[in-house]
């Protein structure tokens, strides 16, 4: 039972990261109907930026804040300079995001090389043990930060005027535009949210899993699968899908073989596409525009 609890908790910690990245996918999807395949690179870029700032002597908190802001600005520029020029062509927009991801990987390799970059744990090294289950201190930061980010997103989407306008664009972009809602601004907000959430995911997981120039690829794939599991475009479903994927991966690696860890994501992807293509909670209104 202790072994199962250890695997489950470890999986849920990883699942929090997948859920955050998946939530970033939904932000762009709901605003533009585009699947942002550069989402994982936002996490990679933020972690590497923060690591470099810490090495340069910046306080950890300042380094994280600057890295998150930088990635948010990069995503706004991508939307403004590349995505917006594609107009309403979804296929062209998706291809652009793939290209952006490749460019960011190349720039990261030039700037930081191919070696993994360390980021110190927020509360220092060490673990917490309870009832035979050992949890790294950084894992508590992962879970706590994920909960705070999801709560802030919920408040933004349901309690603020800007968030309600964003939801209106997600449900019916044309009707929202006719009502005077600036859809272009909402697209920019979607990319800003996507980049910011992805950046937060990158910096909180970096002390546990070292980041390098190509780490964003695997994170992006897992976030995409989490979206499919939970319901593409549904932020709550994305978070739930991330937790389910993380737990399933870790349990499979522990009880079957570590070689099955990455295969589990594709098995779940195929399973949900065949049996329940709408995901656990169904698609959000944006998918029905």
Protein backbone atom coordinates (compact mmCIF):
# COMPACT_ATOMS: atom_id res chain seq x y z
CA UNK A 1 0.00 0.00 0.00
CA UNK A 2 2.88 2.38 0.78
CA UNK A 3 4.42 1.64 -2.60
CA UNK A 4 1.12 2.42 -4.34
CA UNK A 5 0.77 5.68 -2.42
CA UNK A 6 4.33 6.66 -3.36
CA UNK A 7 3.69 6.04 -7.05
CA UNK A 8 0.32 7.78 -6.94
CA UNK A 9 1.61 10.92 -5.24
CA UNK A 10 4.59 11.12 -7.58
CA UNK A 11 2.23 10.75 -10.52
CA UNK A 12 -0.09 13.48 -9.29
CA UNK A 13 2.87 15.86 -8.91
CA UNK A 14 3.88 15.23 -12.52
CA UNK A 15 0.23 15.43 -13.51
CA UNK A 16 0.03 18.96 -12.10
CA UNK A 17 2.66 20.03 -14.63
CA UNK A 18 0.83 18.29 -17.47
CA UNK A 19 -2.38 19.95 -16.34
CA UNK A 20 -0.84 23.43 -16.35
CA UNK A 21 0.58 22.96 -19.83
CA UNK A 22 -2.75 21.57 -21.02
CA UNK A 23 -4.51 24.62 -19.60
CA UNK A 24 -2.16 26.75 -21.69
CA UNK A 25 -3.29 24.81 -24.76
CA UNK A 26 -6.93 25.59 -23.96
CA UNK A 27 -6.25 29.34 -23.60
CA UNK A 28 -5.01 29.60 -27.18
CA UNK A 29 -7.54 27.12 -28.54
CA UNK A 30 -10.52 28.94 -27.07
CA UNK A 31 -9.34 32.30 -28.40
CA UNK A 32 -8.20 31.24 -31.87
CA UNK A 33 -9.23 27.59 -32.44
CA UNK A 34 -5.51 26.95 -33.02
CA UNK A 35 -3.59 24.14 -31.32
CA UNK A 36 -0.40 25.82 -30.12
CA UNK A 37 2.29 23.19 -30.63
CA UNK A 38 4.91 25.60 -29.27
CA UNK A 39 3.32 25.39 -25.82
CA UNK A 40 5.98 23.11 -24.38
CA UNK A 41 8.71 25.51 -25.50
CA UNK A 42 7.24 28.18 -23.21
CA UNK A 43 8.03 25.95 -20.24
CA UNK A 44 11.51 25.17 -21.53
CA UNK A 45 12.34 28.80 -22.25
CA UNK A 46 11.17 30.04 -18.86
CA UNK A 47 13.15 27.41 -16.97
CA UNK A 48 16.35 28.13 -18.90
CA UNK A 49 15.95 31.90 -18.52
CA UNK A 50 15.41 31.57 -14.77
CA UNK A 51 18.42 29.27 -14.43
CA UNK A 52 20.66 31.74 -16.27
CA UNK A 53 19.49 34.66 -14.14
CA UNK A 54 20.17 32.72 -10.94
CA UNK A 55 23.68 31.85 -12.17
CA UNK A 56 24.18 35.55 -12.95
CA UNK A 57 23.43 36.36 -9.32
CA UNK A 58 19.77 37.34 -9.39
CA UNK A 59 17.56 36.28 -6.45
CA UNK A 60 15.52 33.18 -7.23
CA UNK A 61 12.13 34.91 -6.92
CA UNK A 62 13.21 37.78 -9.19
CA UNK A 63 14.66 35.34 -11.72
CA UNK A 64 11.40 33.41 -11.86
CA UNK A 65 9.30 36.56 -12.20
CA UNK A 66 11.47 37.93 -15.01
CA UNK A 67 11.47 34.58 -16.84
CA UNK A 68 7.66 34.34 -16.69
CA UNK A 69 7.28 37.93 -17.97
CA UNK A 70 9.78 37.32 -20.79
CA UNK A 71 7.94 34.22 -21.97
CA UNK A 72 4.60 36.03 -21.78
CA UNK A 73 5.99 38.84 -23.95
CA UNK A 74 7.43 36.32 -26.43
CA UNK A 75 3.99 34.70 -26.79
CA UNK A 76 2.33 38.08 -27.35
CA UNK A 77 4.88 38.85 -30.09
CA UNK A 78 4.26 35.46 -31.70
CA UNK A 79 0.53 36.17 -31.82
CA UNK A 80 1.01 39.72 -33.04
CA UNK A 81 3.70 39.14 -35.66
CA UNK A 82 2.90 35.63 -36.88
CA UNK A 83 -0.48 34.21 -35.86
CA UNK A 84 -2.50 37.37 -36.50
CA UNK A 85 -1.11 37.60 -40.03
CA UNK A 86 -2.54 34.15 -40.79
CA UNK A 87 -6.04 35.54 -40.32
CA UNK A 88 -8.70 32.94 -39.62
CA UNK A 89 -6.85 30.10 -41.36
CA UNK A 90 -6.56 27.56 -38.54
CA UNK A 91 -4.33 25.15 -40.44
CA UNK A 92 -1.85 27.89 -41.28
CA UNK A 93 -1.87 29.01 -37.65
CA UNK A 94 -1.08 25.49 -36.42
CA UNK A 95 1.81 25.18 -38.88
CA UNK A 96 3.14 28.53 -37.67
CA UNK A 97 3.16 27.31 -34.06
CA UNK A 98 5.12 24.22 -35.10
CA UNK A 99 7.65 26.48 -36.80
CA UNK A 100 7.83 28.75 -33.76
CA UNK A 101 8.55 25.75 -31.56
CA UNK A 102 11.41 24.62 -33.83
CA UNK A 103 12.87 28.15 -33.89
CA UNK A 104 12.72 28.44 -30.09
CA UNK A 105 14.45 25.06 -29.74
CA UNK A 106 17.22 26.20 -32.06
CA UNK A 107 17.68 29.51 -30.28
CA UNK A 108 17.76 27.74 -26.92
CA UNK A 109 20.43 25.32 -28.17
CA UNK A 110 22.54 28.27 -29.36
CA UNK A 111 22.09 30.24 -26.15
CA UNK A 112 22.38 27.49 -23.54
CA UNK A 113 23.91 24.58 -25.40
CA UNK A 114 22.63 21.02 -25.18
CA UNK A 115 23.40 20.42 -21.50
CA UNK A 116 20.64 20.46 -18.89
CA UNK A 117 20.50 23.61 -16.79
CA UNK A 118 19.89 23.36 -13.02
CA UNK A 119 17.49 25.55 -11.07
CA UNK A 120 17.68 25.45 -7.25
CA UNK A 121 14.72 24.13 -5.30
CA UNK A 122 12.56 26.89 -3.87
CA UNK A 123 12.83 25.61 -0.28
CA UNK A 124 16.23 24.02 -0.59
CA UNK A 125 17.05 20.34 -1.10
CA UNK A 126 15.52 17.61 0.98
CA UNK A 127 12.33 15.62 1.27
CA UNK A 128 9.37 15.20 3.57
CA UNK A 129 8.46 11.72 4.82
CA UNK A 130 5.04 10.70 6.11
CA UNK A 131 3.69 7.17 6.61
CA UNK A 132 6.52 5.77 4.52
CA UNK A 133 5.88 8.08 1.57
CA UNK A 134 8.76 10.38 0.63
CA UNK A 135 7.97 13.61 -1.19
CA UNK A 136 10.56 16.19 -2.31
CA UNK A 137 9.94 19.64 -0.87
CA UNK A 138 9.75 21.05 -4.37
CA UNK A 139 6.79 18.75 -5.06
CA UNK A 140 4.78 20.71 -2.51
CA UNK A 141 5.57 23.88 -4.47
CA UNK A 142 4.40 22.17 -7.64
CA UNK A 143 1.05 21.15 -6.16
CA UNK A 144 0.52 24.43 -4.31
CA UNK A 145 1.42 26.61 -7.29
CA UNK A 146 -0.82 24.59 -9.58
CA UNK A 147 -3.74 25.02 -7.19
CA UNK A 148 -3.16 28.78 -6.94
CA UNK A 149 -2.82 29.23 -10.71
CA UNK A 150 -5.98 27.24 -11.40
CA UNK A 151 -7.89 29.23 -8.76
CA UNK A 152 -6.70 32.53 -10.25
CA UNK A 153 -7.71 31.39 -13.73
CA UNK A 154 -11.14 30.41 -12.44
CA UNK A 155 -11.61 33.81 -10.81
CA UNK A 156 -10.39 35.58 -13.95
CA UNK A 157 -12.72 33.66 -16.26
CA UNK A 158 -15.82 33.82 -14.06
CA UNK A 159 -15.54 36.98 -11.97
CA UNK A 160 -13.91 39.63 -14.18
CA UNK A 161 -15.32 41.54 -17.14
CA UNK A 162 -12.27 40.72 -19.25
CA UNK A 163 -12.57 37.05 -18.41
CA UNK A 164 -16.25 36.98 -19.34
CA UNK A 165 -15.41 38.69 -22.64
CA UNK A 166 -12.77 36.01 -23.24
CA UNK A 167 -15.33 33.27 -22.59
CA UNK A 168 -17.79 34.96 -24.95
CA UNK A 169 -15.20 34.88 -27.73
CA UNK A 170 -14.54 31.23 -26.94
CA UNK A 171 -18.22 30.34 -27.23
CA UNK A 172 -18.97 32.35 -30.38
CA UNK A 173 -16.31 34.64 -31.78
CA UNK A 174 -18.50 36.17 -34.48
CA UNK A 175 -21.33 37.00 -32.09
CA UNK A 176 -18.84 38.44 -29.59
CA UNK A 177 -17.37 40.68 -32.30
CA UNK A 178 -20.84 41.90 -33.27
CA UNK A 179 -21.43 42.81 -29.62
CA UNK A 180 -18.34 45.01 -29.65
CA UNK A 181 -15.86 42.69 -27.93
CA UNK A 182 -12.35 43.20 -29.39
CA UNK A 183 -11.59 39.68 -30.60
CA UNK A 184 -8.04 40.64 -31.55
CA UNK A 185 -7.34 41.65 -27.97
CA UNK A 186 -8.83 38.37 -26.75
CA UNK A 187 -6.49 36.44 -29.06
CA UNK A 188 -3.56 38.29 -27.53
CA UNK A 189 -4.81 37.53 -24.03
CA UNK A 190 -5.14 33.87 -24.97
CA UNK A 191 -1.49 33.70 -26.01
CA UNK A 192 -0.42 35.69 -22.94
CA UNK A 193 -2.25 33.28 -20.63
CA UNK A 194 -0.85 30.32 -22.53
CA UNK A 195 2.72 31.54 -22.26
CA UNK A 196 2.43 32.61 -18.63
CA UNK A 197 0.89 29.34 -17.46
CA UNK A 198 3.41 27.32 -19.45
CA UNK A 199 6.27 29.39 -18.01
CA UNK A 200 5.06 28.79 -14.46
CA UNK A 201 4.91 25.06 -15.17
CA UNK A 202 8.48 25.13 -16.45
CA UNK A 203 10.05 26.97 -13.52
CA UNK A 204 8.35 24.93 -10.80
CA UNK A 205 9.29 21.56 -12.33
CA UNK A 206 12.87 22.55 -13.29
CA UNK A 207 14.36 21.86 -9.82
CA UNK A 208 12.99 18.30 -10.01
CA UNK A 209 13.53 17.53 -13.70
CA UNK A 210 16.43 19.46 -15.23
CA UNK A 211 15.54 21.42 -18.36
CA UNK A 212 17.41 21.55 -21.66
CA UNK A 213 16.71 22.91 -25.12
CA UNK A 214 14.50 20.01 -26.26
CA UNK A 215 12.59 19.37 -23.00
CA UNK A 216 9.59 21.31 -24.28
CA UNK A 217 8.78 18.69 -26.90
CA UNK A 218 7.89 15.97 -24.41
CA UNK A 219 6.04 18.41 -22.15
CA UNK A 220 4.04 19.74 -25.08
CA UNK A 221 3.04 16.25 -26.18
CA UNK A 222 1.94 15.29 -22.67
CA UNK A 223 -0.02 18.54 -22.32
CA UNK A 224 -1.74 17.88 -25.66
CA UNK A 225 -2.69 14.36 -24.58
CA UNK A 226 -4.04 15.74 -21.30
CA UNK A 227 -6.27 18.08 -23.31
CA UNK A 228 -7.64 15.18 -25.33
CA UNK A 229 -8.30 13.18 -22.16
CA UNK A 230 -10.08 16.00 -20.36
CA UNK A 231 -11.84 17.60 -23.31
CA UNK A 232 -10.06 19.94 -25.69
CA UNK A 233 -10.72 23.57 -24.88
CA UNK A 234 -12.05 22.76 -21.41
CA UNK A 235 -9.63 24.18 -18.78
CA UNK A 236 -11.05 22.08 -15.95
CA UNK A 237 -10.91 18.99 -18.11
CA UNK A 238 -7.33 19.83 -19.08
CA UNK A 239 -6.26 19.91 -15.44
CA UNK A 240 -8.11 16.65 -14.73
CA UNK A 241 -6.60 15.03 -17.81
CA UNK A 242 -3.11 16.03 -16.69
CA UNK A 243 -3.61 14.44 -13.27
CA UNK A 244 -4.96 11.24 -14.81
CA UNK A 245 -2.12 11.02 -17.31
CA UNK A 246 0.57 11.67 -14.68
CA UNK A 247 -0.84 9.10 -12.27
CA UNK A 248 -1.27 6.46 -14.99
CA UNK A 249 2.26 6.99 -16.30
CA UNK A 250 3.87 6.66 -12.90
CA UNK A 251 1.85 3.60 -11.89
CA UNK A 252 2.64 1.90 -15.18
CA UNK A 253 6.34 2.69 -14.82
CA UNK A 254 6.35 1.39 -11.24
CA UNK A 255 4.35 -1.79 -11.66
CA UNK A 256 5.11 -2.77 -15.26
CA UNK A 257 8.26 -1.16 -16.64
CA UNK A 258 9.76 2.29 -16.93
CA UNK A 259 9.93 1.67 -20.66
CA UNK A 260 6.13 1.97 -20.80
CA UNK A 261 6.10 5.47 -19.30
CA UNK A 262 6.10 7.43 -22.55
CA UNK A 263 4.00 4.86 -24.38
CA UNK A 264 1.15 5.31 -21.88
CA UNK A 265 0.44 8.81 -23.20
CA UNK A 266 -0.07 7.55 -26.74
CA UNK A 267 -2.14 4.58 -25.58
CA UNK A 268 -4.48 6.92 -23.68
CA UNK A 269 -4.57 9.29 -26.65
CA UNK A 270 -5.69 6.55 -29.02
CA UNK A 271 -8.12 5.14 -26.46
CA UNK A 272 -9.91 8.44 -25.90
CA UNK A 273 -9.95 9.33 -29.59
CA UNK A 274 -11.61 6.00 -30.35
CA UNK A 275 -13.96 5.64 -27.37
CA UNK A 276 -14.61 9.17 -26.11
CA UNK A 277 -13.24 11.78 -28.55
CA UNK A 278 -14.89 14.61 -26.60
CA UNK A 279 -12.84 13.80 -23.50
CA UNK A 280 -13.99 13.20 -19.93
CA UNK A 281 -15.80 16.53 -19.50
CA UNK A 282 -16.55 17.26 -23.13
CA UNK A 283 -15.34 20.14 -25.23
CA UNK A 284 -15.75 23.76 -24.26
CA UNK A 285 -18.00 26.15 -26.15
CA UNK A 286 -15.17 27.23 -28.43
CA UNK A 287 -15.16 23.82 -30.03
CA UNK A 288 -18.75 24.32 -31.13
CA UNK A 289 -18.40 27.71 -32.78
